[in-house]
Amino acid sequence: MSCGLPSESTRPTSPRLDSVAENSAVNPASGYPWQPGVATGIGSLPGTDPMDAARTIVAELPDFPHLAELPERGPGGDMIGRAAALLIDMATETTPRGWRLSPERPGRDMRRARSMLSQDLDALEEVLDGYSGLLKLQVAGPWTLAAALEQPHSLQPALADPGAVADIAASLAEGTAAHVAEVAKRVPRASIVVQFDEPALPAVIEGSVPTASGLSRVRAVEEEVVRERLRAVLTAVSQYRVVHCCGDGVPFGIIRGCEADAVSFDLSRLQGEAWDALAETAEAGLGLLVGITSQASDTQQATDATVARSVADAWRRMGLSPASCAPQVVITPACGLAGASPAAARAVLKRCREAARILPEIMEEQRLWSLTRPAAGMRSSTRRCWTPSTGTTCLTRRRSTTGVTTPGSGS
């Protein structure tokens, strides 16, 4: 199959991309950078061809595409390898166990990782030529990267050395800013969203990251230090910032405290007090990228409507206004799709898109129903408004009484 596309003069205008250009502007009514009823991916996909991946993403997620990760290509195509390729003045290399910091200058492993990233960006630039709308990038966060990288002269995780963690965070912050700037040059009309992947964050906080021997654990990191390092990396970019944590025990409070604009999580992993933490996060106005569908849900023959209603049910369980759900929520897969077949991955992305499309209608039904019911138990909340021209946020308070959200004064 040819990887080339027709030239600008001969390529027909894509009606789907034209639609994206019209519909992906910042929604002034909600304050979020997306329109209600959109879906996006987490990051990884099966396969080894960047062009195939880019085309699949644009076809299935036209309103909110993302830059794919293709771990099947080997070291450098994975989440940790891509982040390693972004580090500034820090060398890394592969080992039989993964990646480690290197005392030497950047070698062939980093060159290969950077070459893979360049290929991914070339494909993205070609497929999104002329695109105007949302575009999501993914980068491993500082704590997950520190938990995955080995120290240069031992097998212990870099996480065990506070100095190494500080260096990784500073280097990653600088490298991420440069990466975002490069993508902005390649897709100049895109509104970039940056997702920081932190699947190891709960283990870092709990002190459950294993040492090299597996017989002990790296000491738990104080929450203030976790916030400080994560905040330093997030604030290195002015774009809309998402923290993704798909495991158990998502630390919603810490994520809120590090100047994240949104949080991405797997809805099926929430238990007990996590629901209250999620409700507080929603009330604080952060955007919510809700992981709701996976290969398992497809094999169980879940419908688009049942997937969308699972989000609606979660919203009702938290006592939040139905009117705030669709503007605040983006539907995503539960986690990355690298382990799926190409057909299964495409099916999951399609299901996310279709479930997101019908979510506003379902929430409107709930809002109308709530108008006939007592308003007891409805929460008061604060909305975070995104200002893309300045890269800043503002807060507005709102109280839901009969299911209708009323904007208040800025605070």
Protein backbone atom coordinates (compact mmCIF):
# COMPACT_ATOMS: atom_id res chain seq x y z
CA MET A 1 0.00 0.00 0.00
CA SER A 2 1.32 3.43 -0.88
CA CYS A 3 1.99 5.71 2.07
CA GLY A 4 1.76 8.85 -0.03
CA LEU A 5 -1.22 11.18 -0.32
CA PRO A 6 -2.20 13.25 -3.35
CA SER A 7 -0.66 16.67 -3.63
CA GLU A 8 -2.45 19.74 -2.29
CA SER A 9 -3.58 20.67 -5.78
CA THR A 10 -5.14 17.29 -6.54
CA ARG A 11 -6.24 16.00 -3.14
CA PRO A 12 -10.00 16.35 -2.65
CA THR A 13 -11.17 18.28 0.37
CA SER A 14 -12.15 15.94 3.20
CA PRO A 15 -15.66 16.71 4.44
CA ARG A 16 -14.84 15.04 7.76
CA LEU A 17 -11.83 17.27 8.35
CA ASP A 18 -13.80 20.34 7.24
CA SER A 19 -16.37 19.40 9.86
CA VAL A 20 -13.64 19.10 12.45
CA ALA A 21 -12.38 22.56 11.61
CA GLU A 22 -15.83 23.98 12.24
CA ASN A 23 -16.66 22.00 15.37
CA SER A 24 -13.39 21.80 17.30
CA ALA A 25 -13.10 25.44 18.36
CA VAL A 26 -13.15 26.15 22.07
CA ASN A 27 -16.70 25.97 23.34
CA PRO A 28 -17.37 29.33 25.01
CA ALA A 29 -20.43 28.00 26.81
CA SER A 30 -18.56 25.23 28.63
CA GLY A 31 -15.02 26.58 28.92
CA TYR A 32 -13.52 23.28 27.74
CA PRO A 33 -11.47 23.01 24.55
CA TRP A 34 -13.75 20.34 23.10
CA GLN A 35 -17.36 20.36 21.99
CA PRO A 36 -19.85 18.06 23.77
CA GLY A 37 -20.02 14.55 22.39
CA VAL A 38 -16.41 13.87 21.37
CA ALA A 39 -14.05 10.95 21.91
CA THR A 40 -10.31 10.46 21.71
CA GLY A 41 -7.77 7.69 22.15
CA ILE A 42 -5.36 6.95 24.96
CA GLY A 43 -2.18 6.59 22.90
CA SER A 44 -0.96 3.16 21.88
CA LEU A 45 -2.25 1.16 18.93
CA PRO A 46 -1.30 -2.19 17.34
CA GLY A 47 0.92 -2.36 14.30
CA THR A 48 4.18 -0.88 13.12
CA ASP A 49 3.17 1.53 10.34
CA PRO A 50 2.84 5.17 11.50
CA MET A 51 0.87 6.15 8.40
CA ASP A 52 -1.70 3.38 8.89
CA ALA A 53 -2.05 4.38 12.54
CA ALA A 54 -2.50 8.06 11.73
CA ARG A 55 -5.13 7.31 9.10
CA THR A 56 -7.02 4.99 11.44
CA ILE A 57 -7.10 7.64 14.16
CA VAL A 58 -8.33 10.39 11.85
CA ALA A 59 -10.98 8.09 10.38
CA GLU A 60 -12.34 6.93 13.74
CA LEU A 61 -11.69 10.01 15.93
CA PRO A 62 -12.00 12.94 13.54
CA ASP A 63 -12.96 15.48 16.21
CA PHE A 64 -10.10 14.75 18.61
CA PRO A 65 -7.23 12.78 16.99
CA HIS A 66 -4.02 11.94 18.81
CA LEU A 67 -0.44 11.03 18.03
CA ALA A 68 -0.17 7.24 18.09
CA GLU A 69 2.39 5.15 19.94
CA LEU A 70 3.31 1.85 18.27
CA PRO A 71 5.14 -0.36 20.82
CA GLU A 72 5.29 -3.31 18.41
CA ARG A 73 8.16 -1.53 16.65
CA GLY A 74 10.34 -2.35 19.64
CA PRO A 75 12.34 -0.15 22.03
CA GLY A 76 11.68 3.47 21.18
CA GLY A 77 8.15 2.87 20.00
CA ASP A 78 6.87 2.40 23.54
CA MET A 79 5.75 5.03 26.05
CA ILE A 80 9.02 5.01 28.01
CA GLY A 81 11.17 4.99 24.88
CA ARG A 82 9.30 7.96 23.44
CA ALA A 83 9.76 9.94 26.66
CA ALA A 84 13.43 8.96 26.72
CA ALA A 85 13.75 10.40 23.22
CA LEU A 86 12.52 13.75 24.52
CA LEU A 87 15.00 14.10 27.39
CA ILE A 88 17.41 17.03 27.14
CA ASP A 89 21.04 16.56 28.25
CA MET A 90 20.25 13.13 29.67
CA ALA A 91 21.22 9.95 27.84
CA THR A 92 19.36 6.65 28.06
CA GLU A 93 19.95 3.19 26.67
CA THR A 94 18.15 -0.12 26.54
CA THR A 95 18.89 -3.16 28.67
CA PRO A 96 17.35 -6.66 28.67
CA ARG A 97 14.97 -5.30 31.32
CA GLY A 98 13.96 -2.04 29.66
CA TRP A 99 15.54 1.43 29.72
CA ARG A 100 18.17 2.97 31.97
CA LEU A 101 19.96 6.26 32.40
CA SER A 102 23.36 6.21 30.75
CA PRO A 103 26.52 8.03 31.84
CA GLU A 104 27.58 8.18 28.20
CA ARG A 105 26.47 10.49 25.42
CA PRO A 106 23.24 9.59 23.58
CA GLY A 107 23.83 6.45 21.56
CA ARG A 108 22.03 4.34 18.99
CA ASP A 109 19.10 3.53 21.28
CA MET A 110 18.17 7.18 21.67
CA ARG A 111 18.81 7.82 17.99
CA ARG A 112 16.43 4.98 17.12
CA ALA A 113 13.78 6.31 19.50
CA ARG A 114 14.09 9.81 18.06
CA SER A 115 13.92 8.43 14.54
CA MET A 116 10.68 6.61 15.37
CA LEU A 117 9.20 9.78 16.82
CA SER A 118 10.21 11.69 13.71
CA GLN A 119 8.48 9.08 11.53
CA ASP A 120 5.34 9.38 13.67
CA LEU A 121 5.36 13.15 13.29
CA ASP A 122 5.92 12.92 9.53
CA ALA A 123 2.84 10.70 9.21
CA LEU A 124 0.78 12.95 11.47
CA GLU A 125 1.78 16.05 9.53
CA GLU A 126 0.83 14.45 6.22
CA VAL A 127 -2.51 13.07 7.33
CA LEU A 128 -3.50 16.28 9.15
CA ASP A 129 -2.39 18.64 6.39
CA GLY A 130 -4.68 21.66 6.60
CA TYR A 131 -6.33 20.40 9.80
CA SER A 132 -7.77 22.85 12.30
CA GLY A 133 -8.99 21.39 15.57
CA LEU A 134 -7.94 19.49 18.66
CA LEU A 135 -4.85 17.29 18.63
CA LYS A 136 -3.62 15.28 21.62
CA LEU A 137 -0.02 14.33 22.35
CA GLN A 138 1.04 11.80 24.99
CA VAL A 139 4.20 11.90 27.12
CA ALA A 140 5.16 9.66 30.04
CA GLY A 141 4.99 11.69 33.23
CA PRO A 142 8.05 12.23 35.44
CA TRP A 143 7.08 9.72 38.13
CA THR A 144 6.26 6.89 35.74
CA LEU A 145 9.46 7.62 33.83
CA ALA A 146 11.52 7.63 37.04
CA ALA A 147 9.92 4.33 38.12
CA ALA A 148 10.71 2.73 34.76
CA LEU A 149 14.29 3.96 34.18
CA GLU A 150 17.15 2.20 35.95
CA GLN A 151 19.97 4.12 37.55
CA PRO A 152 23.17 4.16 35.44
CA HIS A 153 25.38 2.17 37.82
CA SER A 154 22.85 -0.15 39.46
CA LEU A 155 19.68 -2.02 38.67
CA GLN A 156 17.63 0.10 41.05
CA PRO A 157 14.88 2.35 39.70
CA ALA A 158 15.83 6.00 39.29
CA LEU A 159 12.85 6.64 41.54
CA ALA A 160 15.00 5.57 44.51
CA ASP A 161 17.35 8.54 43.95
CA PRO A 162 15.67 11.92 44.65
CA GLY A 163 18.41 13.72 42.76
CA ALA A 164 17.86 11.58 39.68
CA VAL A 165 14.11 12.22 39.89
CA ALA A 166 14.70 15.97 39.99
CA ASP A 167 17.00 15.77 36.97
CA ILE A 168 14.51 13.63 35.04
CA ALA A 169 11.67 16.05 35.78
CA ALA A 170 13.69 19.07 34.68
CA SER A 171 14.92 17.36 31.52
CA LEU A 172 11.46 16.03 30.65
CA ALA A 173 9.90 19.47 31.16
CA GLU A 174 12.33 21.04 28.71
CA GLY A 175 12.00 18.20 26.22
CA THR A 176 8.20 18.20 26.33
CA ALA A 177 8.07 21.93 25.65
CA ALA A 178 10.34 21.44 22.63
CA HIS A 179 8.20 18.51 21.42
CA VAL A 180 5.01 20.54 21.64
CA ALA A 181 6.65 23.41 19.76
CA GLU A 182 7.73 21.01 17.00
CA VAL A 183 4.22 19.62 16.62
CA ALA A 184 2.80 23.15 16.57
CA LYS A 185 5.08 23.96 13.63
CA ARG A 186 4.05 20.82 11.76
CA VAL A 187 0.29 21.23 12.38
CA PRO A 188 0.08 24.98 12.87
CA ARG A 189 -3.70 25.30 13.08
CA ALA A 190 -4.17 22.55 15.66
CA SER A 191 -5.19 23.23 19.25
CA ILE A 192 -2.80 20.97 21.13
CA VAL A 193 -3.71 19.04 24.26
CA VAL A 194 -0.84 17.39 26.16
CA GLN A 195 -1.51 14.17 28.08
CA PHE A 196 1.00 13.10 30.72
CA ASP A 197 0.80 9.34 31.28
CA GLU A 198 1.25 8.44 34.96
CA PRO A 199 0.13 4.82 35.42
CA ALA A 200 2.78 4.34 38.13
CA LEU A 201 1.64 7.34 40.19
CA PRO A 202 -0.42 5.37 42.77
CA ALA A 203 2.48 2.94 43.33
CA VAL A 204 4.91 5.84 43.77
CA ILE A 205 2.69 7.39 46.43
CA GLU A 206 1.98 4.10 48.19
CA GLY A 207 5.59 2.92 48.15
CA SER A 208 4.87 -0.22 46.12
CA VAL A 209 7.31 0.21 43.21
CA PRO A 210 9.56 -2.89 43.38
CA THR A 211 13.33 -2.72 43.61
CA ALA A 212 15.53 -4.64 41.17
CA SER A 213 15.44 -7.83 43.23
CA GLY A 214 11.70 -7.68 43.71
CA LEU A 215 12.21 -8.46 47.40
CA SER A 216 11.56 -4.91 48.62
CA ARG A 217 9.92 -1.70 47.54
CA VAL A 218 11.10 1.83 46.85
CA ARG A 219 10.18 4.11 49.73
CA ALA A 220 6.94 6.06 49.32
CA VAL A 221 7.39 9.61 48.06
CA GLU A 222 5.80 12.44 50.03
CA GLU A 223 2.72 13.84 48.38
CA GLU A 224 4.06 17.39 48.30
CA VAL A 225 7.16 16.24 46.45
CA VAL A 226 4.96 14.30 44.01
CA ARG A 227 2.92 17.42 43.33
CA GLU A 228 5.99 19.62 42.99
CA ARG A 229 7.74 17.46 40.38
CA LEU A 230 4.56 16.80 38.42
CA ARG A 231 3.61 20.48 38.49
CA ALA A 232 7.05 21.47 37.18
CA VAL A 233 6.62 19.28 34.11
CA LEU A 234 3.00 20.20 33.45
CA THR A 235 3.58 23.92 33.67
CA ALA A 236 6.44 23.73 31.17
CA VAL A 237 3.74 23.79 28.48
CA SER A 238 1.00 26.39 28.14
CA GLN A 239 -1.40 24.08 26.33
CA TYR A 240 -4.33 22.26 27.92
CA ARG A 241 -2.85 19.60 30.23
CA VAL A 242 -4.24 16.14 31.04
CA VAL A 243 -2.89 13.62 33.56
CA HIS A 244 -3.71 10.03 32.64
CA CYS A 245 -3.74 7.32 35.32
CA CYS A 246 -5.55 4.13 34.32
CA GLY A 247 -4.88 1.93 37.35
CA ASP A 248 -6.47 1.54 40.77
CA GLY A 249 -6.24 4.31 43.34
CA VAL A 250 -6.11 7.31 41.02
CA PRO A 251 -4.82 10.20 43.21
CA PHE A 252 -7.40 12.73 42.07
CA GLY A 253 -6.50 15.19 44.85
CA ILE A 254 -2.82 15.28 43.91
CA ILE A 255 -3.67 15.67 40.23
CA ARG A 256 -5.95 18.60 41.04
CA GLY A 257 -3.12 20.19 43.01
CA CYS A 258 -0.51 20.09 40.24
CA GLU A 259 -2.28 22.50 37.86
CA ALA A 260 -3.69 19.83 35.60
CA ASP A 261 -6.64 20.95 33.50
CA ALA A 262 -8.10 17.46 33.12
CA VAL A 263 -7.72 13.90 34.35
CA SER A 264 -7.97 10.68 32.34
CA PHE A 265 -8.93 7.43 34.10
CA ASP A 266 -10.60 4.04 33.75
CA LEU A 267 -14.13 4.31 35.12
CA SER A 268 -14.34 0.58 35.85
CA ARG A 269 -11.46 0.84 38.39
CA LEU A 270 -13.24 3.27 40.73
CA GLN A 271 -14.20 1.91 44.13
CA GLY A 272 -15.32 3.31 47.46
CA GLU A 273 -13.89 6.72 48.30
CA ALA A 274 -12.61 7.14 44.75
CA TRP A 275 -16.13 8.14 43.75
CA ASP A 276 -16.10 11.06 46.18
CA ALA A 277 -12.67 12.09 44.91
CA LEU A 278 -13.93 11.98 41.34
CA ALA A 279 -16.99 14.04 42.26
CA GLU A 280 -14.75 16.66 43.88
CA THR A 281 -12.61 16.71 40.74
CA ALA A 282 -15.67 17.20 38.56
CA GLU A 283 -16.91 19.96 40.86
CA ALA A 284 -13.51 21.65 40.66
CA GLY A 285 -14.12 21.98 36.93
CA LEU A 286 -11.40 19.71 35.57
CA GLY A 287 -12.11 18.06 32.26
CA LEU A 288 -12.73 14.32 32.50
CA LEU A 289 -11.42 11.86 29.92
CA VAL A 290 -13.43 8.81 30.93
CA GLY A 291 -12.09 5.40 29.95
CA ILE A 292 -15.17 3.37 29.36
CA THR A 293 -14.76 0.76 26.64
CA SER A 294 -12.24 -1.98 25.94
CA GLN A 295 -11.86 -5.20 24.01
CA ALA A 296 -13.73 -6.94 26.83
CA SER A 297 -16.77 -4.72 26.47
CA ASP A 298 -16.86 -5.40 22.74
CA THR A 299 -16.68 -9.17 23.19
CA GLN A 300 -19.55 -8.86 25.66
CA GLN A 301 -21.54 -7.20 22.87
CA ALA A 302 -22.10 -3.94 24.73
CA THR A 303 -23.94 -1.39 22.63
CA ASP A 304 -23.00 2.22 22.06
CA ALA A 305 -25.97 3.21 24.19
CA THR A 306 -24.97 1.03 27.15
CA VAL A 307 -21.45 2.45 27.05
CA ALA A 308 -22.80 6.00 27.05
CA ARG A 309 -25.28 5.19 29.79
CA SER A 310 -22.49 3.90 32.02
CA VAL A 311 -21.11 7.44 32.01
CA ALA A 312 -24.57 8.85 32.68
CA ASP A 313 -25.06 6.41 35.55
CA ALA A 314 -21.73 7.45 37.08
CA TRP A 315 -22.75 11.10 36.83
CA ARG A 316 -26.06 10.42 38.55
CA ARG A 317 -24.32 8.34 41.24
CA MET A 318 -22.15 11.34 42.11
CA GLY A 319 -25.15 13.65 42.33
CA LEU A 320 -23.87 16.01 39.65
CA SER A 321 -25.97 18.12 37.35
CA PRO A 322 -26.89 16.26 34.15
CA ALA A 323 -26.33 19.48 32.21
CA SER A 324 -22.61 19.53 33.05
CA CYS A 325 -21.72 16.01 31.92
CA ALA A 326 -21.55 16.19 28.12
CA PRO A 327 -19.54 19.44 28.01
CA GLN A 328 -17.08 18.19 30.63
CA VAL A 329 -16.54 14.59 29.49
CA VAL A 330 -14.54 13.06 26.65
CA ILE A 331 -14.99 9.32 26.17
CA THR A 332 -11.85 7.22 25.64
CA PRO A 333 -10.83 3.57 25.66
CA ALA A 334 -10.15 2.21 29.12
CA CYS A 335 -6.43 2.02 28.35
CA GLY A 336 -4.02 1.74 25.44
CA LEU A 337 -4.82 -0.65 22.61
CA ALA A 338 -1.36 -1.96 21.69
CA GLY A 339 -2.35 -5.51 22.65
CA ALA A 340 -5.46 -5.58 20.48
CA SER A 341 -5.75 -6.72 16.89
CA PRO A 342 -6.05 -3.89 14.34
CA ALA A 343 -9.70 -4.73 13.78
CA ALA A 344 -10.44 -4.81 17.51
CA ALA A 345 -8.64 -1.53 18.10
CA ARG A 346 -10.61 0.15 15.33
CA ALA A 347 -13.85 -1.25 16.79
CA VAL A 348 -13.03 0.17 20.22
CA LEU A 349 -12.29 3.62 18.79
CA LYS A 350 -15.52 3.52 16.80
CA ARG A 351 -17.47 2.53 19.90
CA CYS A 352 -15.96 5.44 21.82
CA ARG A 353 -16.92 7.83 19.03
CA GLU A 354 -20.50 6.59 18.78
CA ALA A 355 -21.01 6.46 22.55
CA ALA A 356 -19.75 10.03 22.84
CA ARG A 357 -22.07 11.12 20.04
CA ILE A 358 -25.19 9.98 21.90
CA LEU A 359 -24.07 11.02 25.40
CA PRO A 360 -25.43 14.60 25.12
CA GLU A 361 -28.88 13.26 24.19
CA ILE A 362 -28.88 10.84 27.13
CA MET A 363 -27.82 13.58 29.55
CA GLU A 364 -30.49 15.92 28.18
CA GLU A 365 -33.08 13.24 28.92
CA GLN A 366 -31.78 13.02 32.48
CA ARG A 367 -31.80 16.82 32.81
CA LEU A 368 -35.44 17.03 31.72
CA TRP A 369 -36.33 14.20 34.09
CA SER A 370 -34.54 15.98 36.94
CA LEU A 371 -36.68 19.08 36.42
CA THR A 372 -39.64 17.09 37.70
CA ARG A 373 -37.77 15.74 40.73
CA PRO A 374 -36.67 17.36 44.01
CA ALA A 375 -33.23 19.00 43.82
CA ALA A 376 -32.01 17.59 47.13
CA GLY A 377 -28.52 16.20 47.01
CA MET A 378 -27.44 18.14 43.93
CA ARG A 379 -23.90 19.35 44.33
CA SER A 380 -22.46 22.84 44.14
CA SER A 381 -19.46 22.99 41.85
CA THR A 382 -16.75 25.14 40.37
CA ARG A 383 -16.05 25.22 36.66
CA ARG A 384 -12.55 25.70 35.29
CA CYS A 385 -12.60 27.79 32.09
CA TRP A 386 -9.80 27.34 29.56
CA THR A 387 -8.53 30.45 27.76
CA PRO A 388 -6.51 29.20 24.76
CA SER A 389 -5.22 32.62 23.71
CA THR A 390 -3.38 33.07 27.01
CA GLY A 391 -2.92 29.46 28.07
CA THR A 392 -4.54 30.18 31.44
CA THR A 393 -7.59 29.05 33.37
CA CYS A 394 -10.21 30.88 35.38
CA LEU A 395 -12.70 29.51 37.85
CA THR A 396 -16.43 30.20 37.96
CA ARG A 397 -18.70 28.87 40.65
CA ARG A 398 -22.01 27.28 39.85
CA ARG A 399 -24.74 25.62 41.85
CA SER A 400 -27.06 23.03 40.42
CA THR A 401 -30.56 23.30 41.79
CA THR A 402 -32.98 21.63 39.41
CA GLY A 403 -30.47 20.11 37.07
CA VAL A 404 -29.71 23.38 35.26
CA THR A 405 -26.19 24.79 35.53
CA THR A 406 -26.03 28.52 36.11
CA PRO A 407 -22.71 30.36 35.54
CA GLY A 408 -21.62 32.60 38.38
CA SER A 409 -19.04 35.29 38.81
CA GLY A 410 -15.34 34.60 38.32
CA SER A 411 -13.27 33.69 41.34
